[in-house]
PDB file of N, CA and C in Angstrom:
ATOM      1  N   MET A   1       0.812  -1.198   0.000  1.00  0.00           N
ATOM      2  CA  MET A   1       0.000   0.000   0.000  1.00  0.00           C
ATOM      3  C   MET A   1       0.856   1.263   0.000  1.00  0.00           C
ATOM      4  N   LYS A   2       1.913   1.285   0.839  1.00  0.00           N
ATOM      5  CA  LYS A   2       2.798   2.447   0.899  1.00  0.00           C
ATOM      6  C   LYS A   2       3.473   2.678  -0.450  1.00  0.00           C
ATOM      7  N   GLN A   3       3.862   1.581  -1.111  1.00  0.00           N
ATOM      8  CA  GLN A   3       4.515   1.702  -2.417  1.00  0.00           C
ATOM      9  C   GLN A   3       3.557   2.290  -3.448  1.00  0.00           C
ATOM     10  N   THR A   4       2.300   1.894  -3.393  1.00  0.00           N
ATOM     11  CA  THR A   4       1.297   2.400  -4.318  1.00  0.00           C
ATOM     12  C   THR A   4       1.091   3.899  -4.115  1.00  0.00           C
ATOM     13  N   LEU A   5       0.968   4.335  -2.866  1.00  0.00           N
ATOM     14  CA  LEU A   5       0.792   5.761  -2.577  1.00  0.00           C
ATOM     15  C   LEU A   5       2.021   6.555  -3.007  1.00  0.00           C
ATOM     16  N   PHE A   6       3.195   5.990  -2.778  1.00  0.00           N
ATOM     17  CA  PHE A   6       4.431   6.656  -3.181  1.00  0.00           C
ATOM     18  C   PHE A   6       4.472   6.814  -4.698  1.00  0.00           C
ATOM     19  N   LEU A   7       4.115   5.786  -5.427  1.00  0.00           N
ATOM     20  CA  LEU A   7       4.100   5.832  -6.887  1.00  0.00           C
ATOM     21  C   LEU A   7       3.088   6.862  -7.391  1.00  0.00           C
ATOM     22  N   ILE A   8       1.918   6.913  -6.784  1.00  0.00           N
ATOM     23  CA  ILE A   8       0.904   7.902  -7.170  1.00  0.00           C
ATOM     24  C   ILE A   8       1.420   9.315  -6.935  1.00  0.00           C
ATOM     25  N   ALA A   9       2.088   9.536  -5.807  1.00  0.00           N
ATOM     26  CA  ALA A   9       2.633  10.861  -5.493  1.00  0.00           C
ATOM     27  C   ALA A   9       3.685  11.270  -6.522  1.00  0.00           C
ATOM     28  N   ILE A  10       4.547  10.358  -6.889  1.00  0.00           N
ATOM     29  CA  ILE A  10       5.588  10.665  -7.880  1.00  0.00           C
ATOM     30  C   ILE A  10       4.967  10.976  -9.234  1.00  0.00           C
ATOM     31  N   LEU A  11       4.041  10.154  -9.671  1.00  0.00           N
ATOM     32  CA  LEU A  11       3.415  10.368 -10.974  1.00  0.00           C
ATOM     33  C   LEU A  11       2.637  11.671 -11.025  1.00  0.00           C
ATOM     34  N   SER A  12       1.942  12.012  -9.953  1.00  0.00           N
ATOM     35  CA  SER A  12       1.182  13.261  -9.961  1.00  0.00           C
ATOM     36  C   SER A  12       2.113  14.463  -9.939  1.00  0.00           C
ATOM     37  N   SER A  13       3.276  14.363  -9.299  1.00  0.00           N
ATOM     38  CA  SER A  13       4.203  15.489  -9.317  1.00  0.00           C
ATOM     39  C   SER A  13       4.783  15.675 -10.711  1.00  0.00           C
ATOM     40  N   PHE A  14       5.016  14.585 -11.450  1.00  0.00           N
ATOM     41  CA  PHE A  14       5.489  14.709 -12.832  1.00  0.00           C
ATOM     42  C   PHE A  14       4.437  15.355 -13.716  1.00  0.00           C
ATOM     43  N   SER A  15       3.181  14.963 -13.564  1.00  0.00           N
ATOM     44  CA  SER A  15       2.142  15.549 -14.408  1.00  0.00           C
ATOM     45  C   SER A  15       1.907  17.001 -14.046  1.00  0.00           C
ATOM     46  N   LEU A  16       2.026  17.351 -12.779  1.00  0.00           N
ATOM     47  CA  LEU A  16       1.861  18.744 -12.353  1.00  0.00           C
ATOM     48  C   LEU A  16       2.966  19.602 -12.946  1.00  0.00           C
ATOM     49  N   ALA A  17       4.212  19.142 -12.807  1.00  0.00           N
ATOM     50  CA  ALA A  17       5.335  19.919 -13.323  1.00  0.00           C
ATOM     51  C   ALA A  17       5.259  20.048 -14.835  1.00  0.00           C
ATOM     52  N   GLY A  18       4.684  19.059 -15.515  1.00  0.00           N
ATOM     53  CA  GLY A  18       4.582  19.096 -16.962  1.00  0.00           C
ATOM     54  C   GLY A  18       3.623  20.159 -17.471  1.00  0.00           C
ATOM     55  N   GLN A  19       2.747  20.671 -16.627  1.00  0.00           N
ATOM     56  CA  GLN A  19       1.761  21.656 -17.036  1.00  0.00           C
ATOM     57  C   GLN A  19       2.223  23.096 -16.816  1.00  0.00           C
ATOM     58  N   ILE A  20       3.231  23.283 -16.005  1.00  0.00           N
ATOM     59  CA  ILE A  20       3.732  24.618 -15.711  1.00  0.00           C
ATOM     60  C   ILE A  20       4.749  25.007 -16.771  1.00  0.00           C
ATOM     61  N   LYS A  21       4.572  26.202 -17.322  1.00  0.00           N
ATOM     62  CA  LYS A  21       5.486  26.672 -18.356  1.00  0.00           C
ATOM     63  C   LYS A  21       6.748  27.225 -17.717  1.00  0.00           C
ATOM     64  N   THR A  22       7.825  27.177 -18.460  1.00  0.00           N
ATOM     65  CA  THR A  22       9.072  27.784 -18.021  1.00  0.00           C
ATOM     66  C   THR A  22       9.631  28.642 -19.149  1.00  0.00           C
ATOM     67  N   LYS A  23      10.382  29.646 -18.750  1.00  0.00           N
ATOM     68  CA  LYS A  23      11.012  30.544 -19.706  1.00  0.00           C
ATOM     69  C   LYS A  23      12.222  31.145 -19.002  1.00  0.00           C
ATOM     70  N   SER A  24      13.305  31.313 -19.713  1.00  0.00           N
ATOM     71  CA  SER A  24      14.465  31.954 -19.114  1.00  0.00           C
ATOM     72  C   SER A  24      14.114  33.390 -18.754  1.00  0.00           C
ATOM     73  N   ILE A  25      14.549  33.831 -17.591  1.00  0.00           N
ATOM     74  CA  ILE A  25      14.259  35.202 -17.175  1.00  0.00           C
ATOM     75  C   ILE A  25      14.891  36.207 -18.134  1.00  0.00           C
ATOM     76  N   THR A  26      15.968  35.807 -18.793  1.00  0.00           N
ATOM     77  CA  THR A  26      16.621  36.715 -19.731  1.00  0.00           C
ATOM     78  C   THR A  26      15.847  36.857 -21.036  1.00  0.00           C
ATOM     79  N   GLU A  27      14.855  36.001 -21.264  1.00  0.00           N
ATOM     80  CA  GLU A  27      14.005  36.090 -22.453  1.00  0.00           C
ATOM     81  C   GLU A  27      12.686  36.809 -22.175  1.00  0.00           C
ATOM     82  N   PHE A  28      12.430  37.116 -20.918  1.00  0.00           N
ATOM     83  CA  PHE A  28      11.207  37.818 -20.549  1.00  0.00           C
ATOM     84  C   PHE A  28      11.254  39.228 -21.126  1.00  0.00           C
ATOM     85  N   SER A  29      10.114  39.694 -21.669  1.00  0.00           N
ATOM     86  CA  SER A  29      10.105  40.998 -22.333  1.00  0.00           C
ATOM     87  C   SER A  29       8.889  41.831 -21.935  1.00  0.00           C
ATOM     88  N   GLN A  30       8.897  43.065 -22.358  1.00  0.00           N
ATOM     89  CA  GLN A  30       7.759  43.949 -22.118  1.00  0.00           C
ATOM     90  C   GLN A  30       6.504  43.424 -22.807  1.00  0.00           C
ATOM     91  N   LYS A  31       6.666  42.706 -23.897  1.00  0.00           N
ATOM     92  CA  LYS A  31       5.522  42.090 -24.574  1.00  0.00           C
ATOM     93  C   LYS A  31       4.807  41.120 -23.631  1.00  0.00           C
ATOM     94  N   ASP A  32       5.599  40.370 -22.850  1.00  0.00           N
ATOM     95  CA  ASP A  32       5.010  39.456 -21.867  1.00  0.00           C
ATOM     96  C   ASP A  32       4.237  40.222 -20.806  1.00  0.00           C
ATOM     97  N   MET A  33       4.745  41.395 -20.429  1.00  0.00           N
ATOM     98  CA  MET A  33       4.092  42.219 -19.404  1.00  0.00           C
ATOM     99  C   MET A  33       2.706  42.678 -19.855  1.00  0.00           C
ATOM    100  N   LYS A  34       2.506  42.838 -21.162  1.00  0.00           N
ATOM    101  CA  LYS A  34       1.221  43.308 -21.677  1.00  0.00           C
ATOM    102  C   LYS A  34       0.117  42.270 -21.527  1.00  0.00           C
ATOM    103  N   ILE A  35       0.510  40.993 -21.443  1.00  0.00           N
ATOM    104  CA  ILE A  35      -0.501  39.940 -21.372  1.00  0.00           C
ATOM    105  C   ILE A  35      -0.617  39.302 -19.995  1.00  0.00           C
ATOM    106  N   GLY A  36       0.234  39.704 -19.069  1.00  0.00           N
ATOM    107  CA  GLY A  36       0.184  39.072 -17.762  1.00  0.00           C
ATOM    108  C   GLY A  36       0.756  39.940 -16.668  1.00  0.00           C
ATOM    109  N   ILE A  37       0.893  39.321 -15.509  1.00  0.00           N
ATOM    110  CA  ILE A  37       1.491  40.025 -14.386  1.00  0.00           C
ATOM    111  C   ILE A  37       2.817  39.363 -14.022  1.00  0.00           C
ATOM    112  N   LEU A  38       3.755  40.178 -13.589  1.00  0.00           N
ATOM    113  CA  LEU A  38       5.081  39.719 -13.192  1.00  0.00           C
ATOM    114  C   LEU A  38       5.151  39.767 -11.677  1.00  0.00           C
ATOM    115  N   VAL A  39       5.464  38.626 -11.065  1.00  0.00           N
ATOM    116  CA  VAL A  39       5.471  38.532  -9.607  1.00  0.00           C
ATOM    117  C   VAL A  39       6.839  38.085  -9.115  1.00  0.00           C
ATOM    118  N   ASP A  40       7.414  38.904  -8.250  1.00  0.00           N
ATOM    119  CA  ASP A  40       8.661  38.592  -7.567  1.00  0.00           C
ATOM    120  C   ASP A  40       8.266  37.954  -6.241  1.00  0.00           C
ATOM    121  N   VAL A  41       8.648  36.695  -6.024  1.00  0.00           N
ATOM    122  CA  VAL A  41       8.220  35.987  -4.821  1.00  0.00           C
ATOM    123  C   VAL A  41       9.268  36.044  -3.707  1.00  0.00           C
ATOM    124  N   ARG A  42      10.265  36.910  -3.860  1.00  0.00           N
ATOM    125  CA  ARG A  42      11.275  37.070  -2.816  1.00  0.00           C
ATOM    126  C   ARG A  42      10.708  37.876  -1.646  1.00  0.00           C
ATOM    127  N   THR A  43      11.496  38.018  -0.606  1.00  0.00           N
ATOM    128  CA  THR A  43      11.068  38.787   0.557  1.00  0.00           C
ATOM    129  C   THR A  43      10.999  40.271   0.201  1.00  0.00           C
ATOM    130  N   PRO A  44      10.252  41.058   0.962  1.00  0.00           N
ATOM    131  CA  PRO A  44      10.200  42.499   0.704  1.00  0.00           C
ATOM    132  C   PRO A  44      11.584  43.159   0.757  1.00  0.00           C
ATOM    133  N   GLU A  45      12.451  42.680   1.625  1.00  0.00           N
ATOM    134  CA  GLU A  45      13.802  43.231   1.708  1.00  0.00           C
ATOM    135  C   GLU A  45      14.583  42.961   0.422  1.00  0.00           C
ATOM    136  N   GLU A  46      14.487  41.745  -0.102  1.00  0.00           N
ATOM    137  CA  GLU A  46      15.158  41.417  -1.356  1.00  0.00           C
ATOM    138  C   GLU A  46      14.580  42.260  -2.493  1.00  0.00           C
ATOM    139  N   PHE A  47      13.274  42.407  -2.501  1.00  0.00           N
ATOM    140  CA  PHE A  47      12.590  43.195  -3.534  1.00  0.00           C
ATOM    141  C   PHE A  47      13.079  44.639  -3.521  1.00  0.00           C
ATOM    142  N   MET A  48      13.217  45.219  -2.333  1.00  0.00           N
ATOM    143  CA  MET A  48      13.653  46.616  -2.218  1.00  0.00           C
ATOM    144  C   MET A  48      15.099  46.804  -2.679  1.00  0.00           C
ATOM    145  N   ASP A  49      15.896  45.741  -2.624  1.00  0.00           N
ATOM    146  CA  ASP A  49      17.289  45.826  -3.080  1.00  0.00           C
ATOM    147  C   ASP A  49      17.402  45.812  -4.603  1.00  0.00           C
ATOM    148  N   GLY A  50      16.303  45.554  -5.290  1.00  0.00           N
ATOM    149  CA  GLY A  50      16.278  45.541  -6.748  1.00  0.00           C
ATOM    150  C   GLY A  50      15.314  44.501  -7.266  1.00  0.00           C
ATOM    151  N   HIS A  51      14.642  44.833  -8.360  1.00  0.00           N
ATOM    152  CA  HIS A  51      13.666  43.918  -8.951  1.00  0.00           C
ATOM    153  C   HIS A  51      13.451  44.303 -10.418  1.00  0.00           C
ATOM    154  N   LEU A  52      12.777  43.434 -11.141  1.00  0.00           N
ATOM    155  CA  LEU A  52      12.444  43.726 -12.536  1.00  0.00           C
ATOM    156  C   LEU A  52      11.387  44.814 -12.588  1.00  0.00           C
ATOM    157  N   GLU A  53      11.524  45.702 -13.553  1.00  0.00           N
ATOM    158  CA  GLU A  53      10.565  46.790 -13.716  1.00  0.00           C
ATOM    159  C   GLU A  53       9.168  46.230 -13.953  1.00  0.00           C
ATOM    160  N   GLY A  54       8.210  46.754 -13.222  1.00  0.00           N
ATOM    161  CA  GLY A  54       6.817  46.334 -13.372  1.00  0.00           C
ATOM    162  C   GLY A  54       6.407  45.173 -12.490  1.00  0.00           C
ATOM    163  N   ALA A  55       7.357  44.608 -11.739  1.00  0.00           N
ATOM    164  CA  ALA A  55       7.034  43.458 -10.887  1.00  0.00           C
ATOM    165  C   ALA A  55       6.303  43.904  -9.629  1.00  0.00           C
ATOM    166  N   ILE A  56       5.427  43.016  -9.169  1.00  0.00           N
ATOM    167  CA  ILE A  56       4.824  43.210  -7.853  1.00  0.00           C
ATOM    168  C   ILE A  56       5.454  42.174  -6.931  1.00  0.00           C
ATOM    169  N   ASN A  57       5.479  42.478  -5.655  1.00  0.00           N
ATOM    170  CA  ASN A  57       6.108  41.588  -4.681  1.00  0.00           C
ATOM    171  C   ASN A  57       5.047  40.852  -3.878  1.00  0.00           C
ATOM    172  N   ILE A  58       5.074  39.526  -3.986  1.00  0.00           N
ATOM    173  CA  ILE A  58       4.247  38.675  -3.142  1.00  0.00           C
ATOM    174  C   ILE A  58       5.193  37.641  -2.534  1.00  0.00           C
ATOM    175  N   ASP A  59       5.496  37.827  -1.269  1.00  0.00           N
ATOM    176  CA  ASP A  59       6.493  37.034  -0.552  1.00  0.00           C
ATOM    177  C   ASP A  59       6.059  35.575  -0.412  1.00  0.00           C
ATOM    178  N   TRP A  60       6.854  34.664  -0.970  1.00  0.00           N
ATOM    179  CA  TRP A  60       6.587  33.235  -0.875  1.00  0.00           C
ATOM    180  C   TRP A  60       6.439  32.799   0.582  1.00  0.00           C
ATOM    181  N   TYR A  61       7.225  33.406   1.460  1.00  0.00           N
ATOM    182  CA  TYR A  61       7.191  33.040   2.875  1.00  0.00           C
ATOM    183  C   TYR A  61       6.040  33.703   3.637  1.00  0.00           C
ATOM    184  N   GLY A  62       5.334  34.604   3.009  1.00  0.00           N
ATOM    185  CA  GLY A  62       4.228  35.290   3.678  1.00  0.00           C
ATOM    186  C   GLY A  62       3.067  34.352   3.953  1.00  0.00           C
ATOM    187  N   GLU A  63       2.430  34.535   5.098  1.00  0.00           N
ATOM    188  CA  GLU A  63       1.293  33.688   5.478  1.00  0.00           C
ATOM    189  C   GLU A  63       0.126  33.841   4.508  1.00  0.00           C
ATOM    190  N   ASP A  64       0.055  34.983   3.834  1.00  0.00           N
ATOM    191  CA  ASP A  64      -1.062  35.257   2.928  1.00  0.00           C
ATOM    192  C   ASP A  64      -0.688  35.075   1.459  1.00  0.00           C
ATOM    193  N   PHE A  65       0.362  34.294   1.193  1.00  0.00           N
ATOM    194  CA  PHE A  65       0.855  34.161  -0.182  1.00  0.00           C
ATOM    195  C   PHE A  65      -0.261  33.813  -1.167  1.00  0.00           C
ATOM    196  N   LEU A  66      -0.948  32.730  -0.942  1.00  0.00           N
ATOM    197  CA  LEU A  66      -1.979  32.279  -1.891  1.00  0.00           C
ATOM    198  C   LEU A  66      -3.156  33.247  -1.946  1.00  0.00           C
ATOM    199  N   GLU A  67      -3.529  33.805  -0.832  1.00  0.00           N
ATOM    200  CA  GLU A  67      -4.655  34.747  -0.804  1.00  0.00           C
ATOM    201  C   GLU A  67      -4.369  35.993  -1.639  1.00  0.00           C
ATOM    202  N   ARG A  68      -3.116  36.385  -1.740  1.00  0.00           N
ATOM    203  CA  ARG A  68      -2.764  37.576  -2.514  1.00  0.00           C
ATOM    204  C   ARG A  68      -2.972  37.350  -4.015  1.00  0.00           C
ATOM    205  N   PHE A  69      -3.124  36.092  -4.423  1.00  0.00           N
ATOM    206  CA  PHE A  69      -3.403  35.766  -5.820  1.00  0.00           C
ATOM    207  C   PHE A  69      -4.894  35.603  -6.076  1.00  0.00           C
ATOM    208  N   ASP A  70      -5.717  35.933  -5.117  1.00  0.00           N
ATOM    209  CA  ASP A  70      -7.157  35.770  -5.266  1.00  0.00           C
ATOM    210  C   ASP A  70      -7.649  36.669  -6.400  1.00  0.00           C
ATOM    211  N   HIS A  71      -7.735  36.104  -7.566  1.00  0.00           N
ATOM    212  CA  HIS A  71      -8.093  36.846  -8.770  1.00  0.00           C
ATOM    213  C   HIS A  71      -9.180  36.069  -9.494  1.00  0.00           C
ATOM    214  N   PRO A  72     -10.216  36.741  -9.940  1.00  0.00           N
ATOM    215  CA  PRO A  72     -11.320  36.012 -10.577  1.00  0.00           C
ATOM    216  C   PRO A  72     -10.920  35.305 -11.877  1.00  0.00           C
ATOM    217  N   ASN A  73      -9.912  35.816 -12.569  1.00  0.00           N
ATOM    218  CA  ASN A  73      -9.488  35.211 -13.825  1.00  0.00           C
ATOM    219  C   ASN A  73      -8.235  34.374 -13.596  1.00  0.00           C
ATOM    220  N   LYS A  74      -8.429  33.093 -13.344  1.00  0.00           N
ATOM    221  CA  LYS A  74      -7.294  32.204 -13.087  1.00  0.00           C
ATOM    222  C   LYS A  74      -6.585  31.786 -14.375  1.00  0.00           C
ATOM    223  N   ASP A  75      -7.051  32.284 -15.527  1.00  0.00           N
ATOM    224  CA  ASP A  75      -6.389  32.015 -16.797  1.00  0.00           C
ATOM    225  C   ASP A  75      -5.409  33.119 -17.187  1.00  0.00           C
ATOM    226  N   GLN A  76      -5.378  34.214 -16.419  1.00  0.00           N
ATOM    227  CA  GLN A  76      -4.463  35.313 -16.724  1.00  0.00           C
ATOM    228  C   GLN A  76      -3.022  34.822 -16.604  1.00  0.00           C
ATOM    229  N   ALA A  77      -2.163  35.275 -17.501  1.00  0.00           N
ATOM    230  CA  ALA A  77      -0.755  34.891 -17.461  1.00  0.00           C
ATOM    231  C   ALA A  77      -0.090  35.454 -16.211  1.00  0.00           C
ATOM    232  N   ILE A  78       0.618  34.579 -15.503  1.00  0.00           N
ATOM    233  CA  ILE A  78       1.376  34.965 -14.319  1.00  0.00           C
ATOM    234  C   ILE A  78       2.811  34.505 -14.537  1.00  0.00           C
ATOM    235  N   TYR A  79       3.755  35.433 -14.415  1.00  0.00           N
ATOM    236  CA  TYR A  79       5.179  35.145 -14.539  1.00  0.00           C
ATOM    237  C   TYR A  79       5.804  35.284 -13.166  1.00  0.00           C
ATOM    238  N   LEU A  80       6.494  34.241 -12.707  1.00  0.00           N
ATOM    239  CA  LEU A  80       7.062  34.220 -11.366  1.00  0.00           C
ATOM    240  C   LEU A  80       8.581  34.158 -11.422  1.00  0.00           C
ATOM    241  N   TYR A  81       9.214  34.895 -10.515  1.00  0.00           N
ATOM    242  CA  TYR A  81      10.663  34.746 -10.360  1.00  0.00           C
ATOM    243  C   TYR A  81      11.055  34.983  -8.911  1.00  0.00           C
ATOM    244  N   CYS A  82      12.251  34.495  -8.566  1.00  0.00           N
ATOM    245  CA  CYS A  82      12.810  34.711  -7.235  1.00  0.00           C
ATOM    246  C   CYS A  82      14.299  34.999  -7.408  1.00  0.00           C
ATOM    247  N   LYS A  83      15.110  34.607  -6.478  1.00  0.00           N
ATOM    248  CA  LYS A  83      16.543  34.885  -6.559  1.00  0.00           C
ATOM    249  C   LYS A  83      17.238  33.960  -7.550  1.00  0.00           C
ATOM    250  N   LYS A  84      16.993  32.642  -7.430  1.00  0.00           N
ATOM    251  CA  LYS A  84      17.664  31.670  -8.289  1.00  0.00           C
ATOM    252  C   LYS A  84      16.715  30.698  -8.973  1.00  0.00           C
ATOM    253  N   GLY A  85      15.493  30.555  -8.471  1.00  0.00           N
ATOM    254  CA  GLY A  85      14.529  29.675  -9.111  1.00  0.00           C
ATOM    255  C   GLY A  85      13.822  28.691  -8.202  1.00  0.00           C
ATOM    256  N   GLY A  86      14.286  28.513  -6.986  1.00  0.00           N
ATOM    257  CA  GLY A  86      13.662  27.537  -6.081  1.00  0.00           C
ATOM    258  C   GLY A  86      12.281  27.938  -5.606  1.00  0.00           C
ATOM    259  N   ARG A  87      12.165  29.149  -5.094  1.00  0.00           N
ATOM    260  CA  ARG A  87      10.875  29.609  -4.572  1.00  0.00           C
ATOM    261  C   ARG A  87       9.855  29.787  -5.679  1.00  0.00           C
ATOM    262  N   SER A  88      10.284  30.303  -6.814  1.00  0.00           N
ATOM    263  CA  SER A  88       9.329  30.509  -7.908  1.00  0.00           C
ATOM    264  C   SER A  88       8.807  29.177  -8.440  1.00  0.00           C
ATOM    265  N   SER A  89       9.639  28.162  -8.440  1.00  0.00           N
ATOM    266  CA  SER A  89       9.197  26.835  -8.869  1.00  0.00           C
ATOM    267  C   SER A  89       8.133  26.293  -7.922  1.00  0.00           C
ATOM    268  N   LYS A  90       8.369  26.439  -6.618  1.00  0.00           N
ATOM    269  CA  LYS A  90       7.385  25.991  -5.627  1.00  0.00           C
ATOM    270  C   LYS A  90       6.095  26.802  -5.742  1.00  0.00           C
ATOM    271  N   ALA A  91       6.231  28.100  -5.944  1.00  0.00           N
ATOM    272  CA  ALA A  91       5.059  28.972  -6.071  1.00  0.00           C
ATOM    273  C   ALA A  91       4.244  28.596  -7.306  1.00  0.00           C
ATOM    274  N   ALA A  92       4.927  28.305  -8.409  1.00  0.00           N
ATOM    275  CA  ALA A  92       4.234  27.919  -9.635  1.00  0.00           C
ATOM    276  C   ALA A  92       3.428  26.641  -9.419  1.00  0.00           C
ATOM    277  N   LYS A  93       4.018  25.668  -8.745  1.00  0.00           N
ATOM    278  CA  LYS A  93       3.311  24.411  -8.470  1.00  0.00           C
ATOM    279  C   LYS A  93       2.097  24.651  -7.582  1.00  0.00           C
ATOM    280  N   LEU A  94       2.251  25.496  -6.568  1.00  0.00           N
ATOM    281  CA  LEU A  94       1.130  25.790  -5.674  1.00  0.00           C
ATOM    282  C   LEU A  94      -0.002  26.489  -6.423  1.00  0.00           C
ATOM    283  N   LEU A  95       0.341  27.477  -7.229  1.00  0.00           N
ATOM    284  CA  LEU A  95      -0.691  28.190  -7.988  1.00  0.00           C
ATOM    285  C   LEU A  95      -1.399  27.251  -8.954  1.00  0.00           C
ATOM    286  N   PHE A  96      -0.633  26.451  -9.668  1.00  0.00           N
ATOM    287  CA  PHE A  96      -1.230  25.516 -10.620  1.00  0.00           C
ATOM    288  C   PHE A  96      -2.165  24.538  -9.913  1.00  0.00           C
ATOM    289  N   SER A  97      -1.745  24.049  -8.757  1.00  0.00           N
ATOM    290  CA  SER A  97      -2.590  23.087  -8.021  1.00  0.00           C
ATOM    291  C   SER A  97      -3.849  23.757  -7.449  1.00  0.00           C
ATOM    292  N   ASN A  98      -3.869  25.097  -7.456  1.00  0.00           N
ATOM    293  CA  ASN A  98      -5.039  25.836  -6.985  1.00  0.00           C
ATOM    294  C   ASN A  98      -5.846  26.434  -8.134  1.00  0.00           C
ATOM    295  N   GLY A  99      -5.666  25.902  -9.329  1.00  0.00           N
ATOM    296  CA  GLY A  99      -6.519  26.266 -10.449  1.00  0.00           C
ATOM    297  C   GLY A  99      -6.001  27.326 -11.395  1.00  0.00           C
ATOM    298  N   TYR A 100      -4.818  27.880 -11.148  1.00  0.00           N
ATOM    299  CA  TYR A 100      -4.248  28.862 -12.071  1.00  0.00           C
ATOM    300  C   TYR A 100      -3.655  28.101 -13.249  1.00  0.00           C
ATOM    301  N   THR A 101      -4.101  28.432 -14.448  1.00  0.00           N
ATOM    302  CA  THR A 101      -3.769  27.608 -15.611  1.00  0.00           C
ATOM    303  C   THR A 101      -2.695  28.186 -16.520  1.00  0.00           C
ATOM    304  N   ASN A 102      -2.281  29.427 -16.283  1.00  0.00           N
ATOM    305  CA  ASN A 102      -1.332  30.078 -17.187  1.00  0.00           C
ATOM    306  C   ASN A 102      -0.151  30.631 -16.380  1.00  0.00           C
ATOM    307  N   VAL A 103       0.581  29.717 -15.749  1.00  0.00           N
ATOM    308  CA  VAL A 103       1.687  30.081 -14.866  1.00  0.00           C
ATOM    309  C   VAL A 103       3.006  29.772 -15.557  1.00  0.00           C
ATOM    310  N   THR A 104       3.919  30.748 -15.547  1.00  0.00           N
ATOM    311  CA  THR A 104       5.247  30.566 -16.117  1.00  0.00           C
ATOM    312  C   THR A 104       6.291  30.863 -15.056  1.00  0.00           C
ATOM    313  N   ASP A 105       7.188  29.913 -14.840  1.00  0.00           N
ATOM    314  CA  ASP A 105       8.310  30.067 -13.913  1.00  0.00           C
ATOM    315  C   ASP A 105       9.492  30.599 -14.722  1.00  0.00           C
ATOM    316  N   LEU A 106       9.982  31.783 -14.348  1.00  0.00           N
ATOM    317  CA  LEU A 106      11.112  32.395 -15.056  1.00  0.00           C
ATOM    318  C   LEU A 106      12.410  31.816 -14.498  1.00  0.00           C
ATOM    319  N   LEU A 107      13.039  30.976 -15.294  1.00  0.00           N
ATOM    320  CA  LEU A 107      14.209  30.221 -14.870  1.00  0.00           C
ATOM    321  C   LEU A 107      15.436  31.101 -14.672  1.00  0.00           C
ATOM    322  N   GLY A 108      16.212  30.773 -13.676  1.00  0.00           N
ATOM    323  CA  GLY A 108      17.453  31.480 -13.400  1.00  0.00           C
ATOM    324  C   GLY A 108      17.317  32.541 -12.333  1.00  0.00           C
ATOM    325  N   GLY A 109      16.125  33.091 -12.204  1.00  0.00           N
ATOM    326  CA  GLY A 109      15.866  34.088 -11.177  1.00  0.00           C
ATOM    327  C   GLY A 109      16.560  35.414 -11.395  1.00  0.00           C
ATOM    328  N   PHE A 110      16.441  36.265 -10.402  1.00  0.00           N
ATOM    329  CA  PHE A 110      16.969  37.622 -10.475  1.00  0.00           C
ATOM    330  C   PHE A 110      18.488  37.619 -10.629  1.00  0.00           C
ATOM    331  N   ASP A 111      19.163  36.648 -10.043  1.00  0.00           N
ATOM    332  CA  ASP A 111      20.613  36.564 -10.198  1.00  0.00           C
ATOM    333  C   ASP A 111      21.006  36.397 -11.666  1.00  0.00           C
ATOM    334  N   ALA A 112      20.289  35.544 -12.399  1.00  0.00           N
ATOM    335  CA  ALA A 112      20.578  35.341 -13.824  1.00  0.00           C
ATOM    336  C   ALA A 112      20.302  36.618 -14.612  1.00  0.00           C
ATOM    337  N   TYR A 113      19.258  37.329 -14.236  1.00  0.00           N
ATOM    338  CA  TYR A 113      18.937  38.593 -14.892  1.00  0.00           C
ATOM    339  C   TYR A 113      20.078  39.596 -14.679  1.00  0.00           C
ATOM    340  N   LEU A 114      20.568  39.700 -13.450  1.00  0.00           N
ATOM    341  CA  LEU A 114      21.660  40.620 -13.160  1.00  0.00           C
ATOM    342  C   LEU A 114      22.944  40.234 -13.887  1.00  0.00           C
ATOM    343  N   ASP A 115      23.211  38.937 -13.972  1.00  0.00           N
ATOM    344  CA  ASP A 115      24.408  38.459 -14.679  1.00  0.00           C
ATOM    345  C   ASP A 115      24.370  38.818 -16.158  1.00  0.00           C
ATOM    346  N   ARG A 116      23.178  38.869 -16.719  1.00  0.00           N
ATOM    347  CA  ARG A 116      22.988  39.109 -18.151  1.00  0.00           C
ATOM    348  C   ARG A 116      22.855  40.600 -18.478  1.00  0.00           C
ATOM    349  N   ALA A 117      22.475  41.393 -17.485  1.00  0.00           N
ATOM    350  CA  ALA A 117      22.248  42.827 -17.704  1.00  0.00           C
ATOM    351  C   ALA A 117      23.553  43.538 -18.022  1.00  0.00           C
ATOM    352  N   PRO A 118      23.508  44.534 -18.941  1.00  0.00           N
ATOM    353  CA  PRO A 118      24.720  45.291 -19.260  1.00  0.00           C
ATOM    354  C   PRO A 118      25.209  46.058 -18.029  1.00  0.00           C
ATOM    355  N   GLN A 119      26.487  46.100 -17.857  1.00  0.00           N
ATOM    356  CA  GLN A 119      27.091  46.777 -16.692  1.00  0.00           C
ATOM    357  C   GLN A 119      27.324  48.244 -16.968  1.00  0.00           C
TER     358      GLN A 119
END
C-alpha cells in the first residue's frame, strides 16, 4: 500500500510539473508584461534591493501568499521569479494546483537577470 501511494505521489508530481510553463528570465520581455502580471516571490527586503521593472512583490514566505493571488481570472498569465529559481518553482506548483492555468516560472531568477544585464 505504501509503495502504491508513493508511486501515485511521484506520478502526480510529474504531471503537475509538466503543465507549468518555463522561460528563461533573460528572455522575458515587455511584450510578456502586456498579457500578464510579473510577480517577484522574494522577501520584501530582497525586492527593495532591486527587482524587474513592473514586478509586484508577493512574498513566498508570507502567510497570505496564496490569498494575494485571489483573482477572478485564473487564466491570466502569471510570470514568477525569485533569486535563483527555487521559490518561484514551488510557487508555480502551488498556484497551478489551486486552479491557475497560465503560470510561467522564469528560470534562473533575479541573479541570472543581473548576470545578463549590461554593466
